[in-house]
Amino acid sequence: MPKDAVLLIPEPDGENDLPTCGVKPGYYNSKQMLDLIEKHKNDADAIHFIADMLETGDVENDGFAEMIRKNHHDPSAITRIIQICRN
Protein backbone atom coordinates (compact mmCIF):
# COMPACT_ATOMS: atom_id res chain seq x y z
CA MET A 1 0.00 0.00 0.00
CA PRO A 2 1.40 3.44 -0.90
CA LYS A 3 2.28 5.64 2.12
CA ASP A 4 0.11 8.50 0.85
CA ALA A 5 -3.00 6.37 0.19
CA VAL A 6 -6.23 7.79 1.62
CA LEU A 7 -8.70 5.62 -0.26
CA LEU A 8 -8.85 1.96 -1.28
CA ILE A 9 -11.38 0.85 -3.85
CA PRO A 10 -11.49 -2.94 -3.57
CA GLU A 11 -11.34 -5.37 -6.46
CA PRO A 12 -14.69 -6.93 -7.45
CA ASP A 13 -15.56 -10.11 -5.55
CA GLY A 14 -15.87 -12.38 -8.60
CA GLU A 15 -13.20 -12.89 -11.22
CA ASN A 16 -15.56 -11.80 -14.02
CA ASP A 17 -17.39 -9.09 -12.03
CA LEU A 18 -17.23 -5.47 -13.14
CA PRO A 19 -15.91 -2.78 -10.75
CA THR A 20 -18.60 -1.46 -8.39
CA CYS A 21 -20.34 1.55 -9.99
CA GLY A 22 -17.59 1.65 -12.62
CA VAL A 23 -15.06 2.94 -10.07
CA LYS A 24 -11.59 1.61 -10.86
CA PRO A 25 -10.14 -0.48 -8.02
CA GLY A 26 -6.88 0.56 -6.42
CA TYR A 27 -5.22 2.86 -3.93
CA TYR A 28 -5.73 6.62 -4.30
CA ASN A 29 -3.82 9.50 -2.74
CA SER A 30 -5.62 12.76 -1.89
CA LYS A 31 -5.21 14.32 -5.35
CA GLN A 32 -6.22 11.13 -7.14
CA MET A 33 -9.23 10.77 -4.85
CA LEU A 34 -10.44 14.27 -5.75
CA ASP A 35 -9.90 13.48 -9.45
CA LEU A 36 -11.89 10.26 -9.01
CA ILE A 37 -14.77 12.08 -7.29
CA GLU A 38 -14.75 14.73 -10.00
CA LYS A 39 -14.80 12.08 -12.72
CA HIS A 40 -17.89 10.44 -11.18
CA LYS A 41 -19.68 13.60 -9.94
CA ASN A 42 -22.64 12.98 -12.27
CA ASP A 43 -23.11 9.40 -11.04
CA ALA A 44 -24.83 9.54 -7.64
CA ASP A 45 -24.33 5.81 -7.02
CA ALA A 46 -20.59 6.04 -7.69
CA ILE A 47 -20.24 9.06 -5.39
CA HIS A 48 -22.16 7.27 -2.64
CA PHE A 49 -19.93 4.20 -3.10
CA ILE A 50 -16.75 6.33 -2.89
CA ALA A 51 -18.09 7.96 0.30
CA ASP A 52 -18.75 4.50 1.74
CA MET A 53 -15.17 3.47 0.94
CA LEU A 54 -13.84 6.64 2.63
CA GLU A 55 -15.74 6.03 5.85
CA THR A 56 -13.62 4.86 8.76
CA GLY A 57 -16.31 4.46 11.42
CA ASP A 58 -14.69 7.20 13.50
CA VAL A 59 -17.02 10.22 13.76
CA GLU A 60 -14.07 12.58 14.16
CA ASN A 61 -12.57 11.46 10.82
CA ASP A 62 -15.65 10.83 8.69
CA GLY A 63 -16.80 14.40 8.05
CA PHE A 64 -15.57 14.43 4.44
CA ALA A 65 -17.24 11.09 3.65
CA GLU A 66 -20.48 12.32 5.21
CA MET A 67 -20.36 15.57 3.22
CA ILE A 68 -19.81 13.69 -0.05
CA ARG A 69 -22.58 11.22 0.77
CA LYS A 70 -25.00 14.00 1.76
CA ASN A 71 -24.43 15.72 -1.61
CA HIS A 72 -24.11 12.64 -3.83
CA HIS A 73 -27.16 13.64 -5.92
CA ASP A 74 -25.89 17.19 -6.57
CA PRO A 75 -23.01 17.39 -9.09
CA SER A 76 -22.63 21.14 -8.59
CA ALA A 77 -22.23 20.67 -4.82
CA ILE A 78 -19.66 17.94 -5.45
CA THR A 79 -17.79 20.33 -7.78
CA ARG A 80 -17.77 23.02 -5.06
CA ILE A 81 -16.48 20.54 -2.48
CA ILE A 82 -13.68 19.46 -4.83
CA GLN A 83 -12.73 23.08 -5.55
CA ILE A 84 -12.58 23.90 -1.84
CA CYS A 85 -10.40 20.85 -1.17
CA ARG A 86 -7.98 21.78 -3.95
CA ASN A 87 -7.48 25.33 -2.65
C-alpha atoms as a PDB file:
ATOM      1  CA  MET A   1       0.000   0.000   0.000  1.00  0.00           C
ATOM      2  CA  PRO A   2       1.400   3.440  -0.897  1.00  0.00           C
ATOM      3  CA  LYS A   3       2.280   5.641   2.117  1.00  0.00           C
ATOM      4  CA  ASP A   4       0.108   8.497   0.846  1.00  0.00           C
ATOM      5  CA  ALA A   5      -3.004   6.375   0.186  1.00  0.00           C
ATOM      6  CA  VAL A   6      -6.226   7.794   1.623  1.00  0.00           C
ATOM      7  CA  LEU A   7      -8.699   5.618  -0.263  1.00  0.00           C
ATOM      8  CA  LEU A   8      -8.849   1.961  -1.279  1.00  0.00           C
ATOM      9  CA  ILE A   9     -11.380   0.848  -3.855  1.00  0.00           C
ATOM     10  CA  PRO A  10     -11.493  -2.945  -3.573  1.00  0.00           C
ATOM     11  CA  GLU A  11     -11.341  -5.370  -6.460  1.00  0.00           C
ATOM     12  CA  PRO A  12     -14.687  -6.926  -7.451  1.00  0.00           C
ATOM     13  CA  ASP A  13     -15.560 -10.112  -5.554  1.00  0.00           C
ATOM     14  CA  GLY A  14     -15.867 -12.377  -8.595  1.00  0.00           C
ATOM     15  CA  GLU A  15     -13.203 -12.885 -11.223  1.00  0.00           C
ATOM     16  CA  ASN A  16     -15.563 -11.795 -14.015  1.00  0.00           C
ATOM     17  CA  ASP A  17     -17.389  -9.094 -12.030  1.00  0.00           C
ATOM     18  CA  LEU A  18     -17.228  -5.471 -13.136  1.00  0.00           C
ATOM     19  CA  PRO A  19     -15.913  -2.783 -10.746  1.00  0.00           C
ATOM     20  CA  THR A  20     -18.600  -1.463  -8.393  1.00  0.00           C
ATOM     21  CA  CYS A  21     -20.336   1.546  -9.987  1.00  0.00           C
ATOM     22  CA  GLY A  22     -17.587   1.653 -12.619  1.00  0.00           C
ATOM     23  CA  VAL A  23     -15.062   2.945 -10.066  1.00  0.00           C
ATOM     24  CA  LYS A  24     -11.587   1.612 -10.864  1.00  0.00           C
ATOM     25  CA  PRO A  25     -10.144  -0.484  -8.022  1.00  0.00           C
ATOM     26  CA  GLY A  26      -6.879   0.558  -6.419  1.00  0.00           C
ATOM     27  CA  TYR A  27      -5.222   2.862  -3.928  1.00  0.00           C
ATOM     28  CA  TYR A  28      -5.726   6.620  -4.303  1.00  0.00           C
ATOM     29  CA  ASN A  29      -3.823   9.496  -2.739  1.00  0.00           C
ATOM     30  CA  SER A  30      -5.623  12.765  -1.893  1.00  0.00           C
ATOM     31  CA  LYS A  31      -5.207  14.318  -5.348  1.00  0.00           C
ATOM     32  CA  GLN A  32      -6.222  11.129  -7.145  1.00  0.00           C
ATOM     33  CA  MET A  33      -9.229  10.775  -4.849  1.00  0.00           C
ATOM     34  CA  LEU A  34     -10.442  14.273  -5.748  1.00  0.00           C
ATOM     35  CA  ASP A  35      -9.899  13.480  -9.445  1.00  0.00           C
ATOM     36  CA  LEU A  36     -11.892  10.263  -9.007  1.00  0.00           C
ATOM     37  CA  ILE A  37     -14.766  12.081  -7.288  1.00  0.00           C
ATOM     38  CA  GLU A  38     -14.749  14.731 -10.000  1.00  0.00           C
ATOM     39  CA  LYS A  39     -14.798  12.076 -12.719  1.00  0.00           C
ATOM     40  CA  HIS A  40     -17.889  10.441 -11.182  1.00  0.00           C
ATOM     41  CA  LYS A  41     -19.676  13.602  -9.942  1.00  0.00           C
ATOM     42  CA  ASN A  42     -22.639  12.983 -12.273  1.00  0.00           C
ATOM     43  CA  ASP A  43     -23.105   9.400 -11.037  1.00  0.00           C
ATOM     44  CA  ALA A  44     -24.827   9.536  -7.641  1.00  0.00           C
ATOM     45  CA  ASP A  45     -24.330   5.812  -7.022  1.00  0.00           C
ATOM     46  CA  ALA A  46     -20.595   6.036  -7.687  1.00  0.00           C
ATOM     47  CA  ILE A  47     -20.237   9.064  -5.391  1.00  0.00           C
ATOM     48  CA  HIS A  48     -22.160   7.267  -2.643  1.00  0.00           C
ATOM     49  CA  PHE A  49     -19.928   4.204  -3.102  1.00  0.00           C
ATOM     50  CA  ILE A  50     -16.752   6.327  -2.886  1.00  0.00           C
ATOM     51  CA  ALA A  51     -18.092   7.955   0.295  1.00  0.00           C
ATOM     52  CA  ASP A  52     -18.746   4.502   1.739  1.00  0.00           C
ATOM     53  CA  MET A  53     -15.171   3.474   0.942  1.00  0.00           C
ATOM     54  CA  LEU A  54     -13.839   6.637   2.634  1.00  0.00           C
ATOM     55  CA  GLU A  55     -15.742   6.031   5.849  1.00  0.00           C
ATOM     56  CA  THR A  56     -13.624   4.860   8.762  1.00  0.00           C
ATOM     57  CA  GLY A  57     -16.312   4.461  11.418  1.00  0.00           C
ATOM     58  CA  ASP A  58     -14.688   7.201  13.500  1.00  0.00           C
ATOM     59  CA  VAL A  59     -17.023  10.215  13.756  1.00  0.00           C
ATOM     60  CA  GLU A  60     -14.066  12.580  14.157  1.00  0.00           C
ATOM     61  CA  ASN A  61     -12.570  11.465  10.820  1.00  0.00           C
ATOM     62  CA  ASP A  62     -15.650  10.828   8.692  1.00  0.00           C
ATOM     63  CA  GLY A  63     -16.798  14.400   8.047  1.00  0.00           C
ATOM     64  CA  PHE A  64     -15.573  14.430   4.442  1.00  0.00           C
ATOM     65  CA  ALA A  65     -17.235  11.087   3.652  1.00  0.00           C
ATOM     66  CA  GLU A  66     -20.483  12.318   5.212  1.00  0.00           C
ATOM     67  CA  MET A  67     -20.359  15.570   3.223  1.00  0.00           C
ATOM     68  CA  ILE A  68     -19.807  13.694  -0.052  1.00  0.00           C
ATOM     69  CA  ARG A  69     -22.578  11.222   0.768  1.00  0.00           C
ATOM     70  CA  LYS A  70     -24.996  13.997   1.756  1.00  0.00           C
ATOM     71  CA  ASN A  71     -24.434  15.722  -1.610  1.00  0.00           C
ATOM     72  CA  HIS A  72     -24.112  12.645  -3.831  1.00  0.00           C
ATOM     73  CA  HIS A  73     -27.163  13.636  -5.917  1.00  0.00           C
ATOM     74  CA  ASP A  74     -25.894  17.189  -6.567  1.00  0.00           C
ATOM     75  CA  PRO A  75     -23.011  17.389  -9.086  1.00  0.00           C
ATOM     76  CA  SER A  76     -22.628  21.143  -8.588  1.00  0.00           C
ATOM     77  CA  ALA A  77     -22.228  20.671  -4.821  1.00  0.00           C
ATOM     78  CA  ILE A  78     -19.661  17.936  -5.453  1.00  0.00           C
ATOM     79  CA  THR A  79     -17.792  20.332  -7.777  1.00  0.00           C
ATOM     80  CA  ARG A  80     -17.767  23.021  -5.060  1.00  0.00           C
ATOM     81  CA  ILE A  81     -16.477  20.542  -2.482  1.00  0.00           C
ATOM     82  CA  ILE A  82     -13.679  19.463  -4.832  1.00  0.00           C
ATOM     83  CA  GLN A  83     -12.727  23.082  -5.552  1.00  0.00           C
ATOM     84  CA  ILE A  84     -12.580  23.899  -1.838  1.00  0.00           C
ATOM     85  CA  CYS A  85     -10.396  20.849  -1.168  1.00  0.00           C
ATOM     86  CA  ARG A  86      -7.980  21.776  -3.946  1.00  0.00           C
ATOM     87  CA  ASN A  87      -7.483  25.325  -2.652  1.00  0.00           C
END
